[in-house]
């Protein structure tokens, strides 16, 4: 078992190849005890492959990783016993009740019989499932299935929890409530490594790693990532025609980034040569009307867009 000072997760040059395709390319990072680390990127970027290697499910092609002080290649079964893992597909048995699913996973993780009743009661309270213990799992909504899957991953009190896109496919209210549960767990000392493709969720993490094309582009706190990569002002312009405005802005010198953001053109400037007035005038020269310009706070989505296109 890792000491209090040792990283809970340490990956060095972690690589996974499938034939000629490299899904994860020379990834290195550490996760400290008690952190909530977000692993962010689009589908196919290598997030799930990374997490499956760290969980001892998939053998790396190259590099190494230690989880809770255990080598994931030499001792994958030891890793699996000590961690909690919630996959994208919510590995639940639809024909069982909520309680029966929890009892099954308590048996899988060899929770002592004398502790099982108390532990299941704790899980049901934590997940808000106390009134649904006899519900058949197939009858649950996506949000309640999500809570049950989390409970099953936690039934043996793991110190480290891997969540692989846990909020994919659930409604916004369920997403928000699930993140409340994540921070409740973190406050109790659980280390959490969570993959997502929702940039707004990344803002809730203590540190964020950006994956793209199998490579880890950067990993740091949200504040540090913004400070390092976003140096200029950010504005949103109500412009018409909107697509023409984005295209023109993208080609201007001194513009770090221009993109669509809802029904606005969002722009981040890389130098002080541009002001809202000068940008409005420049667009006007091309017949593009700007009805308003609003200063906005740059987001992690802006950081990712910059890194992915470098």
Protein backbone atom coordinates (compact mmCIF):
# COMPACT_ATOMS: atom_id res chain seq x y z
CA UNK A 1 0.00 0.00 0.00
CA UNK A 2 1.18 3.52 -0.81
CA UNK A 3 2.40 5.78 1.95
CA UNK A 4 0.64 9.05 2.70
CA UNK A 5 3.33 10.91 0.73
CA UNK A 6 3.43 8.62 -2.29
CA UNK A 7 1.20 9.29 -5.31
CA UNK A 8 -1.96 7.22 -5.38
CA UNK A 9 -1.54 6.89 -9.15
CA UNK A 10 1.72 7.20 -11.08
CA UNK A 11 1.92 6.67 -14.84
CA UNK A 12 5.22 6.86 -16.73
CA UNK A 13 5.30 6.68 -20.52
CA UNK A 14 2.04 4.75 -20.52
CA UNK A 15 1.32 3.56 -24.07
CA UNK A 16 -1.26 1.29 -25.69
CA UNK A 17 -1.12 0.17 -29.30
CA UNK A 18 -3.67 -1.83 -31.28
CA UNK A 19 -1.73 -2.98 -34.32
CA UNK A 20 -0.51 0.16 -36.08
CA UNK A 21 -2.89 2.40 -34.13
CA UNK A 22 -1.62 4.10 -30.96
CA UNK A 23 -4.59 4.75 -28.65
CA UNK A 24 -2.51 6.14 -25.76
CA UNK A 25 0.85 7.67 -26.56
CA UNK A 26 3.56 8.03 -23.89
CA UNK A 27 1.35 9.45 -21.13
CA UNK A 28 2.86 10.42 -17.76
CA UNK A 29 1.17 11.95 -14.70
CA UNK A 30 0.59 11.50 -10.98
CA UNK A 31 -2.50 11.69 -8.79
CA UNK A 32 -2.13 12.58 -5.12
CA UNK A 33 -4.23 11.27 -2.26
CA UNK A 34 -7.54 13.10 -1.87
CA UNK A 35 -7.52 14.75 -5.30
CA UNK A 36 -10.38 14.99 -7.78
CA UNK A 37 -8.66 14.76 -11.17
CA UNK A 38 -10.59 15.21 -14.40
CA UNK A 39 -9.35 13.49 -17.56
CA UNK A 40 -10.96 15.38 -20.39
CA UNK A 41 -11.18 14.93 -24.14
CA UNK A 42 -13.46 14.00 -27.02
CA UNK A 43 -14.60 10.45 -27.69
CA UNK A 44 -11.74 8.39 -29.08
CA UNK A 45 -9.02 10.50 -27.47
CA UNK A 46 -7.68 7.66 -25.28
CA UNK A 47 -9.42 8.40 -21.98
CA UNK A 48 -11.08 5.02 -21.51
CA UNK A 49 -8.01 3.11 -22.66
CA UNK A 50 -5.92 4.98 -20.07
CA UNK A 51 -8.35 4.23 -17.29
CA UNK A 52 -8.60 0.54 -18.25
CA UNK A 53 -4.81 0.21 -18.08
CA UNK A 54 -4.73 1.89 -14.68
CA UNK A 55 -7.45 -0.44 -13.41
CA UNK A 56 -5.47 -3.54 -14.43
CA UNK A 57 -8.05 -4.49 -17.07
CA UNK A 58 -5.81 -3.87 -20.08
CA UNK A 59 -2.07 -4.50 -20.32
CA UNK A 60 0.05 -1.53 -21.52
CA UNK A 61 2.10 -1.92 -24.69
CA UNK A 62 4.87 0.18 -23.14
CA UNK A 63 5.53 2.30 -20.07
CA UNK A 64 4.49 1.57 -16.52
CA UNK A 65 1.91 2.48 -13.92
CA UNK A 66 1.52 2.07 -10.17
CA UNK A 67 -1.84 2.32 -8.42
CA UNK A 68 -1.94 2.39 -4.63
CA UNK A 69 1.69 1.28 -4.70
CA UNK A 70 0.99 -1.76 -6.89
CA UNK A 71 2.38 -2.36 -10.36
CA UNK A 72 -0.63 -2.69 -12.68
CA UNK A 73 1.26 -5.14 -14.94
CA UNK A 74 2.65 -7.39 -12.23
CA UNK A 75 -0.32 -7.28 -9.88
CA UNK A 76 -3.51 -6.37 -11.80
CA UNK A 77 -5.73 -8.47 -9.52
CA UNK A 78 -4.38 -6.69 -6.45
CA UNK A 79 -5.22 -3.34 -8.05
CA UNK A 80 -8.76 -4.46 -8.93
CA UNK A 81 -9.45 -5.50 -5.33
CA UNK A 82 -8.40 -2.15 -3.89
CA UNK A 83 -10.05 0.30 -6.30
CA UNK A 84 -13.59 1.21 -7.27
CA UNK A 85 -14.37 1.31 -10.99
CA UNK A 86 -17.51 2.65 -12.63
CA UNK A 87 -17.54 2.01 -16.37
CA UNK A 88 -19.40 3.91 -19.07
CA UNK A 89 -21.94 1.12 -19.46
CA UNK A 90 -22.94 0.89 -15.78
CA UNK A 91 -22.25 -2.82 -15.15
CA UNK A 92 -25.58 -3.56 -13.47
CA UNK A 93 -27.87 -6.60 -13.60
CA UNK A 94 -31.17 -5.34 -14.96
CA UNK A 95 -33.26 -8.25 -13.68
CA UNK A 96 -32.09 -7.74 -10.08
CA UNK A 97 -33.41 -5.19 -7.60
CA UNK A 98 -31.33 -2.29 -6.32
CA UNK A 99 -30.56 -4.18 -3.11
CA UNK A 100 -29.70 -7.39 -4.95
CA UNK A 101 -27.21 -5.57 -7.18
CA UNK A 102 -25.51 -4.11 -4.12
CA UNK A 103 -25.49 -7.51 -2.39
CA UNK A 104 -23.96 -9.11 -5.48
CA UNK A 105 -21.10 -6.58 -5.61
CA UNK A 106 -20.56 -6.88 -1.87
CA UNK A 107 -19.94 -10.58 -2.52
CA UNK A 108 -17.65 -9.89 -5.48
CA UNK A 109 -15.53 -7.57 -3.35
CA UNK A 110 -15.65 -9.99 -0.41
CA UNK A 111 -17.18 -7.54 2.05
CA UNK A 112 -17.35 -9.46 5.37
CA UNK A 113 -20.88 -10.69 6.07
CA UNK A 114 -20.93 -9.00 9.47
CA UNK A 115 -20.21 -5.63 7.79
CA UNK A 116 -22.41 -6.00 4.74
CA UNK A 117 -25.73 -4.87 6.21
CA UNK A 118 -24.30 -1.66 7.66
CA UNK A 119 -22.33 -0.95 4.50
CA UNK A 120 -25.34 -1.37 2.22
CA UNK A 121 -27.36 0.96 4.44
CA UNK A 122 -24.60 3.57 4.14
CA UNK A 123 -24.53 3.22 0.34
CA UNK A 124 -28.32 3.51 0.06
CA UNK A 125 -28.30 6.69 2.17
CA UNK A 126 -25.38 8.20 0.26
CA UNK A 127 -26.97 7.51 -3.13
CA UNK A 128 -30.50 8.49 -2.07
CA UNK A 129 -31.77 5.02 -2.94
CA UNK A 130 -33.39 4.13 0.38
CA UNK A 131 -36.92 4.27 -1.10
CA UNK A 132 -35.94 2.23 -4.16
CA UNK A 133 -34.30 -0.83 -2.62
CA UNK A 134 -36.86 -3.25 -4.12
CA UNK A 135 -37.09 -1.53 -7.52
CA UNK A 136 -36.06 -3.66 -10.48
CA UNK A 137 -32.95 -2.07 -11.97
CA UNK A 138 -34.30 -2.08 -15.53
CA UNK A 139 -37.12 0.20 -14.35
CA UNK A 140 -34.75 2.90 -13.05
CA UNK A 141 -34.13 6.16 -14.92
CA UNK A 142 -30.63 6.95 -16.16
CA UNK A 143 -29.89 9.13 -13.15
CA UNK A 144 -30.91 6.47 -10.62
CA UNK A 145 -29.00 3.76 -12.50
CA UNK A 146 -25.98 6.05 -12.34
CA UNK A 147 -26.32 6.37 -8.55
CA UNK A 148 -26.69 2.61 -8.17
CA UNK A 149 -23.60 1.98 -10.30
CA UNK A 150 -21.64 4.39 -8.10
CA UNK A 151 -22.89 2.58 -5.00
CA UNK A 152 -21.77 -0.77 -6.40
CA UNK A 153 -18.30 0.64 -7.08
CA UNK A 154 -18.08 1.92 -3.49
CA UNK A 155 -19.46 -1.05 -1.59
CA UNK A 156 -16.00 -2.18 -0.38
CA UNK A 157 -14.88 1.35 0.68
CA UNK A 158 -12.09 1.77 -1.91
CA UNK A 159 -9.60 4.59 -1.27
CA UNK A 160 -9.42 5.29 -5.01
CA UNK A 161 -12.35 5.56 -7.40
CA UNK A 162 -12.14 5.51 -11.21
CA UNK A 163 -15.20 6.94 -12.97
CA UNK A 164 -15.30 6.55 -16.75
CA UNK A 165 -17.65 9.15 -18.25
CA UNK A 166 -20.14 8.60 -15.41
CA UNK A 167 -22.53 11.38 -16.49
CA UNK A 168 -22.75 10.51 -20.19
CA UNK A 169 -26.36 10.17 -21.26
CA UNK A 170 -28.01 11.52 -18.11
CA UNK A 171 -29.97 14.74 -17.80
CA UNK A 172 -28.41 18.01 -16.52
CA UNK A 173 -30.05 17.78 -13.10
CA UNK A 174 -28.74 14.24 -12.59
CA UNK A 175 -25.29 15.39 -13.71
CA UNK A 176 -25.24 18.17 -11.14
CA UNK A 177 -26.48 15.91 -8.35
CA UNK A 178 -23.87 13.30 -9.26
CA UNK A 179 -21.08 15.87 -8.92
CA UNK A 180 -22.43 16.71 -5.47
CA UNK A 181 -21.93 13.03 -4.61
CA UNK A 182 -18.38 13.11 -6.01
CA UNK A 183 -17.42 16.01 -3.77
CA UNK A 184 -19.08 14.39 -0.79
CA UNK A 185 -16.86 11.36 -1.36
CA UNK A 186 -13.75 13.50 -1.86
CA UNK A 187 -14.47 15.37 1.38
CA UNK A 188 -14.43 11.99 3.11
CA UNK A 189 -10.94 11.23 1.76
CA UNK A 190 -11.65 9.23 -1.41
CA UNK A 191 -9.32 9.97 -4.33
CA UNK A 192 -11.28 10.32 -7.57
CA UNK A 193 -10.10 10.04 -11.18
CA UNK A 194 -12.93 10.88 -13.57
CA UNK A 195 -13.06 10.94 -17.36
CA UNK A 196 -15.50 13.20 -19.16
CA UNK A 197 -16.03 15.03 -22.43
CA UNK A 198 -18.05 17.78 -20.72
CA UNK A 199 -15.82 20.82 -20.31
CA UNK A 200 -18.12 22.38 -17.71
CA UNK A 201 -17.53 19.34 -15.49
CA UNK A 202 -13.79 19.82 -15.80
CA UNK A 203 -14.17 23.19 -14.07
CA UNK A 204 -15.23 21.30 -10.92
CA UNK A 205 -12.01 19.28 -10.72
CA UNK A 206 -8.96 20.08 -8.63
CA UNK A 207 -6.73 19.30 -11.60
CA UNK A 208 -7.53 18.63 -15.24
CA UNK A 209 -5.68 16.63 -17.89
CA UNK A 210 -6.48 17.21 -21.56
CA UNK A 211 -6.33 14.18 -23.87
CA UNK A 212 -6.36 14.50 -27.65
CA UNK A 213 -5.32 11.99 -30.27
CA UNK A 214 -3.93 9.67 -27.59
CA UNK A 215 -1.62 12.33 -26.14
CA UNK A 216 -1.84 14.12 -22.80
CA UNK A 217 -1.57 17.76 -23.88
CA UNK A 218 -1.45 19.34 -20.40
CA UNK A 219 -2.42 18.66 -16.80
CA UNK A 220 -2.81 21.29 -14.06
CA UNK A 221 -5.42 23.17 -12.05
CA UNK A 222 -8.12 24.96 -14.07
CA UNK A 223 -6.78 28.34 -12.92
CA UNK A 224 -3.19 27.49 -13.86
CA UNK A 225 -4.20 26.17 -17.30
CA UNK A 226 -6.10 29.36 -18.08
CA UNK A 227 -3.26 31.53 -16.81
CA UNK A 228 -0.69 29.65 -18.89
CA UNK A 229 -2.54 29.47 -22.20
CA UNK A 230 -5.05 32.34 -22.23
CA UNK A 231 -3.29 35.67 -21.95
CA UNK A 232 -5.57 38.11 -23.77
CA UNK A 233 -9.07 39.50 -23.33
CA UNK A 234 -12.07 37.41 -24.33
CA UNK A 235 -15.20 38.81 -25.94
CA UNK A 236 -18.44 37.50 -27.36
CA UNK A 237 -19.84 39.33 -30.36
CA UNK A 238 -23.42 39.32 -31.59
CA UNK A 239 -22.65 39.52 -35.31
CA UNK A 240 -24.44 38.92 -38.59
CA UNK A 241 -23.71 36.92 -40.69
CA UNK A 242 -22.31 34.93 -37.77
CA UNK A 243 -20.29 32.30 -39.64
CA UNK A 244 -18.66 34.95 -41.81
CA UNK A 245 -17.66 36.82 -38.66
CA UNK A 246 -15.98 33.76 -37.15
CA UNK A 247 -14.15 33.01 -40.38
CA UNK A 248 -12.87 36.57 -40.70
CA UNK A 249 -11.83 36.78 -37.04
CA UNK A 250 -9.97 33.46 -37.30
CA UNK A 251 -7.74 34.88 -40.02
CA UNK A 252 -6.80 38.12 -38.32
CA UNK A 253 -3.29 38.59 -36.87
CA UNK A 254 -3.27 39.00 -33.12
CA UNK A 255 -6.32 36.75 -32.62
CA UNK A 256 -5.52 33.66 -30.55
CA UNK A 257 -8.88 31.99 -31.09
CA UNK A 258 -12.23 32.63 -32.73
CA UNK A 259 -15.11 30.20 -32.64
CA UNK A 260 -18.85 29.82 -32.46
CA UNK A 261 -20.32 29.87 -28.97
CA UNK A 262 -24.07 29.46 -29.15
CA UNK A 263 -25.41 32.36 -31.19
CA UNK A 264 -22.29 34.46 -30.64
CA UNK A 265 -18.78 34.69 -32.04
CA UNK A 266 -16.28 34.23 -29.22
CA UNK A 267 -12.82 35.68 -29.69
CA UNK A 268 -9.65 35.67 -27.56
CA UNK A 269 -7.05 38.23 -28.52
CA UNK A 270 -3.33 37.56 -28.33
CA UNK A 271 -2.21 41.19 -28.32
CA UNK A 272 -3.39 44.64 -27.26
CA UNK A 273 -3.73 45.89 -30.83
CA UNK A 274 -7.39 44.89 -30.85
CA UNK A 275 -10.24 46.49 -28.93
CA UNK A 276 -14.00 45.90 -29.22
CA UNK A 277 -14.21 49.06 -31.29
CA UNK A 278 -11.44 48.12 -33.71
CA UNK A 279 -12.81 44.60 -34.17
CA UNK A 280 -16.28 45.98 -34.82
CA UNK A 281 -14.85 48.37 -37.40
CA UNK A 282 -12.84 45.60 -39.07
CA UNK A 283 -15.89 43.38 -39.39
CA UNK A 284 -17.93 46.33 -40.65
CA UNK A 285 -15.47 46.82 -43.51
CA UNK A 286 -16.52 43.37 -44.74
CA UNK A 287 -20.23 44.04 -44.40
CA UNK A 288 -20.58 42.20 -41.09
CA UNK A 289 -22.77 43.98 -38.56
CA UNK A 290 -21.89 43.76 -34.84
CA UNK A 291 -24.80 44.66 -32.56
CA UNK A 292 -23.04 44.02 -29.22
CA UNK A 293 -19.71 43.04 -27.66
CA UNK A 294 -19.56 41.52 -24.19
CA UNK A 295 -16.49 40.73 -22.09
CA UNK A 296 -16.51 37.08 -20.95
CA UNK A 297 -14.40 34.84 -18.74
CA UNK A 298 -12.24 32.39 -20.73
CA UNK A 299 -13.05 28.74 -20.06
CA UNK A 300 -11.25 25.41 -20.10
CA UNK A 301 -12.96 24.80 -23.43
CA UNK A 302 -10.93 27.72 -24.79
CA UNK A 303 -7.74 26.17 -23.39
CA UNK A 304 -8.52 22.80 -24.96
CA UNK A 305 -9.29 24.35 -28.36
CA UNK A 306 -5.94 26.15 -28.33
CA UNK A 307 -3.98 23.05 -27.29
CA UNK A 308 -5.73 20.73 -29.73
CA UNK A 309 -4.92 22.95 -32.70
CA UNK A 310 -1.31 23.78 -31.89
